[in-house]
Amino acid sequence: MFADSSFWIALLNPRDNLHATAEAAYKGLGTHRLITTEMVLAEVFNGLADKGLHIRTAVVKLERSLRQRPEITIIPQTSRDFRDAALRYAERSDQQWSITDCASFITMDREGIREALTYDRHFQQAGFEALLRDN
């Protein structure tokens, strides 16, 4: 299962509208393996940068703890991945997908993942299931 930035942000930020949903999803993962990317984590850092010291500290702790958990894989950002995402971004100018979205879709395709812990409708547009959205 893929974990997108909207999931991590909601999990960390108690004021996020999806906090309870993200917490329930996280607790219900059981033995599921999670995959995320360094680009996604960069979005988390950026998205919560202005939420105060407590949240900033929680982001740092989250990133460090994710790297220690064997059931979570963080795909590193490579130059090739960035170029591939930039190409997808250019090819899909009819969409409002961010470059991080494009990189996530490429990772999901490569890993054979169809489900994402996300609220982002762009995942649905790209043919994936956005598990945090009301279906």
C-alpha atoms as a PDB file:
ATOM      1  CA  MET A   1       0.000   0.000   0.000  1.00  0.00           C
ATOM      2  CA  PHE A   2       1.286   3.477  -0.838  1.00  0.00           C
ATOM      3  CA  ALA A   3       1.291   6.257   1.784  1.00  0.00           C
ATOM      4  CA  ASP A   4       0.913   9.767   0.380  1.00  0.00           C
ATOM      5  CA  SER A   5       1.652  13.094   2.046  1.00  0.00           C
ATOM      6  CA  SER A   6      -2.026  13.800   2.837  1.00  0.00           C
ATOM      7  CA  PHE A   7      -2.038  10.649   4.971  1.00  0.00           C
ATOM      8  CA  TRP A   8       1.132  11.525   6.899  1.00  0.00           C
ATOM      9  CA  ILE A   9       0.033  15.153   7.346  1.00  0.00           C
ATOM     10  CA  ALA A  10      -3.393  14.124   8.648  1.00  0.00           C
ATOM     11  CA  LEU A  11      -1.786  11.583  10.965  1.00  0.00           C
ATOM     12  CA  LEU A  12       0.552  14.181  12.481  1.00  0.00           C
ATOM     13  CA  ASN A  13      -1.759  17.176  12.652  1.00  0.00           C
ATOM     14  CA  PRO A  14      -4.621  16.810  15.152  1.00  0.00           C
ATOM     15  CA  ARG A  15      -6.289  19.864  13.575  1.00  0.00           C
ATOM     16  CA  ASP A  16      -6.449  18.223  10.145  1.00  0.00           C
ATOM     17  CA  ASN A  17      -9.988  17.272   9.078  1.00  0.00           C
ATOM     18  CA  LEU A  18      -8.767  13.755   8.242  1.00  0.00           C
ATOM     19  CA  HIS A  19      -6.814  13.175  11.469  1.00  0.00           C
ATOM     20  CA  ALA A  20      -9.237  10.623  12.947  1.00  0.00           C
ATOM     21  CA  THR A  21      -9.584   8.845   9.601  1.00  0.00           C
ATOM     22  CA  ALA A  22      -5.813   8.658   9.164  1.00  0.00           C
ATOM     23  CA  GLU A  23      -5.335   7.399  12.726  1.00  0.00           C
ATOM     24  CA  ALA A  24      -7.941   4.675  12.212  1.00  0.00           C
ATOM     25  CA  ALA A  25      -6.348   3.654   8.916  1.00  0.00           C
ATOM     26  CA  TYR A  26      -2.892   3.539  10.511  1.00  0.00           C
ATOM     27  CA  LYS A  27      -4.101   1.443  13.448  1.00  0.00           C
ATOM     28  CA  GLY A  28      -5.921  -0.892  11.059  1.00  0.00           C
ATOM     29  CA  LEU A  29      -2.933  -1.622   8.842  1.00  0.00           C
ATOM     30  CA  GLY A  30      -2.055  -4.842  10.603  1.00  0.00           C
ATOM     31  CA  THR A  31       0.626  -6.616   8.589  1.00  0.00           C
ATOM     32  CA  HIS A  32       0.281  -4.459   5.475  1.00  0.00           C
ATOM     33  CA  ARG A  33       3.559  -3.182   4.101  1.00  0.00           C
ATOM     34  CA  LEU A  34       3.678   0.558   3.409  1.00  0.00           C
ATOM     35  CA  ILE A  35       5.674   2.256   0.713  1.00  0.00           C
ATOM     36  CA  THR A  36       6.287   5.975   0.543  1.00  0.00           C
ATOM     37  CA  THR A  37       8.943   8.130  -1.100  1.00  0.00           C
ATOM     38  CA  GLU A  38      11.398  10.801  -0.112  1.00  0.00           C
ATOM     39  CA  MET A  39       9.471  13.193  -2.380  1.00  0.00           C
ATOM     40  CA  VAL A  40       6.306  12.488  -0.386  1.00  0.00           C
ATOM     41  CA  LEU A  41       8.164  13.066   2.873  1.00  0.00           C
ATOM     42  CA  ALA A  42       9.521  16.355   1.493  1.00  0.00           C
ATOM     43  CA  GLU A  43       5.898  17.405   0.932  1.00  0.00           C
ATOM     44  CA  VAL A  44       5.112  16.491   4.538  1.00  0.00           C
ATOM     45  CA  PHE A  45       8.014  18.598   5.823  1.00  0.00           C
ATOM     46  CA  ASN A  46       6.935  21.502   3.593  1.00  0.00           C
ATOM     47  CA  GLY A  47       3.227  21.152   4.323  1.00  0.00           C
ATOM     48  CA  LEU A  48       3.699  21.297   8.088  1.00  0.00           C
ATOM     49  CA  ALA A  49       6.586  23.777   8.259  1.00  0.00           C
ATOM     50  CA  ASP A  50       4.350  26.592   9.513  1.00  0.00           C
ATOM     51  CA  LYS A  51       2.382  24.597  12.114  1.00  0.00           C
ATOM     52  CA  GLY A  52       4.594  25.355  15.086  1.00  0.00           C
ATOM     53  CA  LEU A  53       7.448  23.726  16.953  1.00  0.00           C
ATOM     54  CA  HIS A  54       5.414  20.779  18.276  1.00  0.00           C
ATOM     55  CA  ILE A  55       4.316  19.682  14.782  1.00  0.00           C
ATOM     56  CA  ARG A  56       7.746  20.374  13.251  1.00  0.00           C
ATOM     57  CA  THR A  57       9.307  18.163  15.927  1.00  0.00           C
ATOM     58  CA  ALA A  58       6.705  15.467  15.225  1.00  0.00           C
ATOM     59  CA  VAL A  59       7.588  15.537  11.507  1.00  0.00           C
ATOM     60  CA  VAL A  60      11.265  14.990  12.272  1.00  0.00           C
ATOM     61  CA  LYS A  61      10.445  12.132  14.662  1.00  0.00           C
ATOM     62  CA  LEU A  62       8.102  10.553  12.104  1.00  0.00           C
ATOM     63  CA  GLU A  63      10.735  10.548   9.363  1.00  0.00           C
ATOM     64  CA  ARG A  64      13.324   9.035  11.685  1.00  0.00           C
ATOM     65  CA  SER A  65      10.946   6.372  13.001  1.00  0.00           C
ATOM     66  CA  LEU A  66       9.734   5.382   9.526  1.00  0.00           C
ATOM     67  CA  ARG A  67      13.310   4.597   8.534  1.00  0.00           C
ATOM     68  CA  GLN A  68      13.567   2.178  11.481  1.00  0.00           C
ATOM     69  CA  ARG A  69      10.390   0.211  10.733  1.00  0.00           C
ATOM     70  CA  PRO A  70      10.864  -2.904   8.594  1.00  0.00           C
ATOM     71  CA  GLU A  71       7.254  -2.840   7.325  1.00  0.00           C
ATOM     72  CA  ILE A  72       7.751   0.632   5.829  1.00  0.00           C
ATOM     73  CA  THR A  73       9.867   1.255   2.765  1.00  0.00           C
ATOM     74  CA  ILE A  74      10.955   4.759   1.827  1.00  0.00           C
ATOM     75  CA  ILE A  75      11.932   4.896  -1.828  1.00  0.00           C
ATOM     76  CA  PRO A  76      14.887   7.269  -2.240  1.00  0.00           C
ATOM     77  CA  GLN A  77      14.696  10.139  -4.702  1.00  0.00           C
ATOM     78  CA  THR A  78      17.047   9.535  -7.609  1.00  0.00           C
ATOM     79  CA  SER A  79      17.863  11.790 -10.541  1.00  0.00           C
ATOM     80  CA  ARG A  80      16.283   9.233 -12.869  1.00  0.00           C
ATOM     81  CA  ASP A  81      13.064   9.159 -10.813  1.00  0.00           C
ATOM     82  CA  PHE A  82      12.921  12.941 -10.923  1.00  0.00           C
ATOM     83  CA  ARG A  83      13.460  12.990 -14.700  1.00  0.00           C
ATOM     84  CA  ASP A  84      10.763  10.327 -15.183  1.00  0.00           C
ATOM     85  CA  ALA A  85       8.352  12.299 -13.008  1.00  0.00           C
ATOM     86  CA  ALA A  86       9.140  15.506 -14.905  1.00  0.00           C
ATOM     87  CA  LEU A  87       8.428  13.696 -18.170  1.00  0.00           C
ATOM     88  CA  ARG A  88       5.067  12.402 -16.850  1.00  0.00           C
ATOM     89  CA  TYR A  89       4.297  15.922 -15.617  1.00  0.00           C
ATOM     90  CA  ALA A  90       5.006  17.334 -19.100  1.00  0.00           C
ATOM     91  CA  GLU A  91       3.062  14.590 -20.867  1.00  0.00           C
ATOM     92  CA  ARG A  92      -0.025  15.071 -18.699  1.00  0.00           C
ATOM     93  CA  SER A  93      -0.445  18.826 -19.018  1.00  0.00           C
ATOM     94  CA  ASP A  94      -4.208  18.177 -19.154  1.00  0.00           C
ATOM     95  CA  GLN A  95      -4.033  17.326 -15.415  1.00  0.00           C
ATOM     96  CA  GLN A  96      -3.138  19.364 -12.344  1.00  0.00           C
ATOM     97  CA  TRP A  97      -0.851  16.665 -10.988  1.00  0.00           C
ATOM     98  CA  SER A  98       2.186  17.852  -9.055  1.00  0.00           C
ATOM     99  CA  ILE A  99       5.609  16.445  -9.811  1.00  0.00           C
ATOM    100  CA  THR A 100       5.363  14.535  -6.520  1.00  0.00           C
ATOM    101  CA  ASP A 101       2.066  13.030  -7.686  1.00  0.00           C
ATOM    102  CA  CYS A 102       3.740  11.952 -10.926  1.00  0.00           C
ATOM    103  CA  ALA A 103       6.654  10.399  -9.039  1.00  0.00           C
ATOM    104  CA  SER A 104       4.207   8.608  -6.737  1.00  0.00           C
ATOM    105  CA  PHE A 105       2.245   7.191  -9.680  1.00  0.00           C
ATOM    106  CA  ILE A 106       5.447   5.916 -11.277  1.00  0.00           C
ATOM    107  CA  THR A 107       6.504   4.300  -7.990  1.00  0.00           C
ATOM    108  CA  MET A 108       3.092   2.699  -7.556  1.00  0.00           C
ATOM    109  CA  ASP A 109       3.131   1.342 -11.108  1.00  0.00           C
ATOM    110  CA  ARG A 110       6.651  -0.014 -10.653  1.00  0.00           C
ATOM    111  CA  GLU A 111       5.735  -1.683  -7.325  1.00  0.00           C
ATOM    112  CA  GLY A 112       2.373  -3.025  -8.569  1.00  0.00           C
ATOM    113  CA  ILE A 113       0.396  -0.992  -6.019  1.00  0.00           C
ATOM    114  CA  ARG A 114      -3.195   0.070  -6.714  1.00  0.00           C
ATOM    115  CA  GLU A 115      -4.229   1.453  -3.289  1.00  0.00           C
ATOM    116  CA  ALA A 116      -2.999   4.632  -1.657  1.00  0.00           C
ATOM    117  CA  LEU A 117      -3.539   6.058   1.791  1.00  0.00           C
ATOM    118  CA  THR A 118      -4.429   9.487   0.475  1.00  0.00           C
ATOM    119  CA  TYR A 119      -7.256  11.947   0.099  1.00  0.00           C
ATOM    120  CA  ASP A 120      -5.763  13.351  -3.105  1.00  0.00           C
ATOM    121  CA  ARG A 121      -8.266  12.961  -5.976  1.00  0.00           C
ATOM    122  CA  HIS A 122      -5.376  12.981  -8.439  1.00  0.00           C
ATOM    123  CA  PHE A 123      -4.685   9.373  -7.464  1.00  0.00           C
ATOM    124  CA  GLN A 124      -8.204   8.473  -8.592  1.00  0.00           C
ATOM    125  CA  GLN A 125      -7.696  10.378 -11.831  1.00  0.00           C
ATOM    126  CA  ALA A 126      -4.571   8.305 -12.438  1.00  0.00           C
ATOM    127  CA  GLY A 127      -6.507   5.061 -11.883  1.00  0.00           C
ATOM    128  CA  PHE A 128      -5.599   4.309  -8.274  1.00  0.00           C
ATOM    129  CA  GLU A 129      -7.811   3.907  -5.223  1.00  0.00           C
ATOM    130  CA  ALA A 130      -7.624   6.830  -2.760  1.00  0.00           C
ATOM    131  CA  LEU A 131      -8.474   5.093   0.512  1.00  0.00           C
ATOM    132  CA  LEU A 132      -9.064   8.226   2.597  1.00  0.00           C
ATOM    133  CA  ARG A 133     -11.774   9.567   0.304  1.00  0.00           C
ATOM    134  CA  ASP A 134     -15.437   8.704   0.654  1.00  0.00           C
ATOM    135  CA  ASN A 135     -16.067   6.312  -2.236  1.00  0.00           C
END
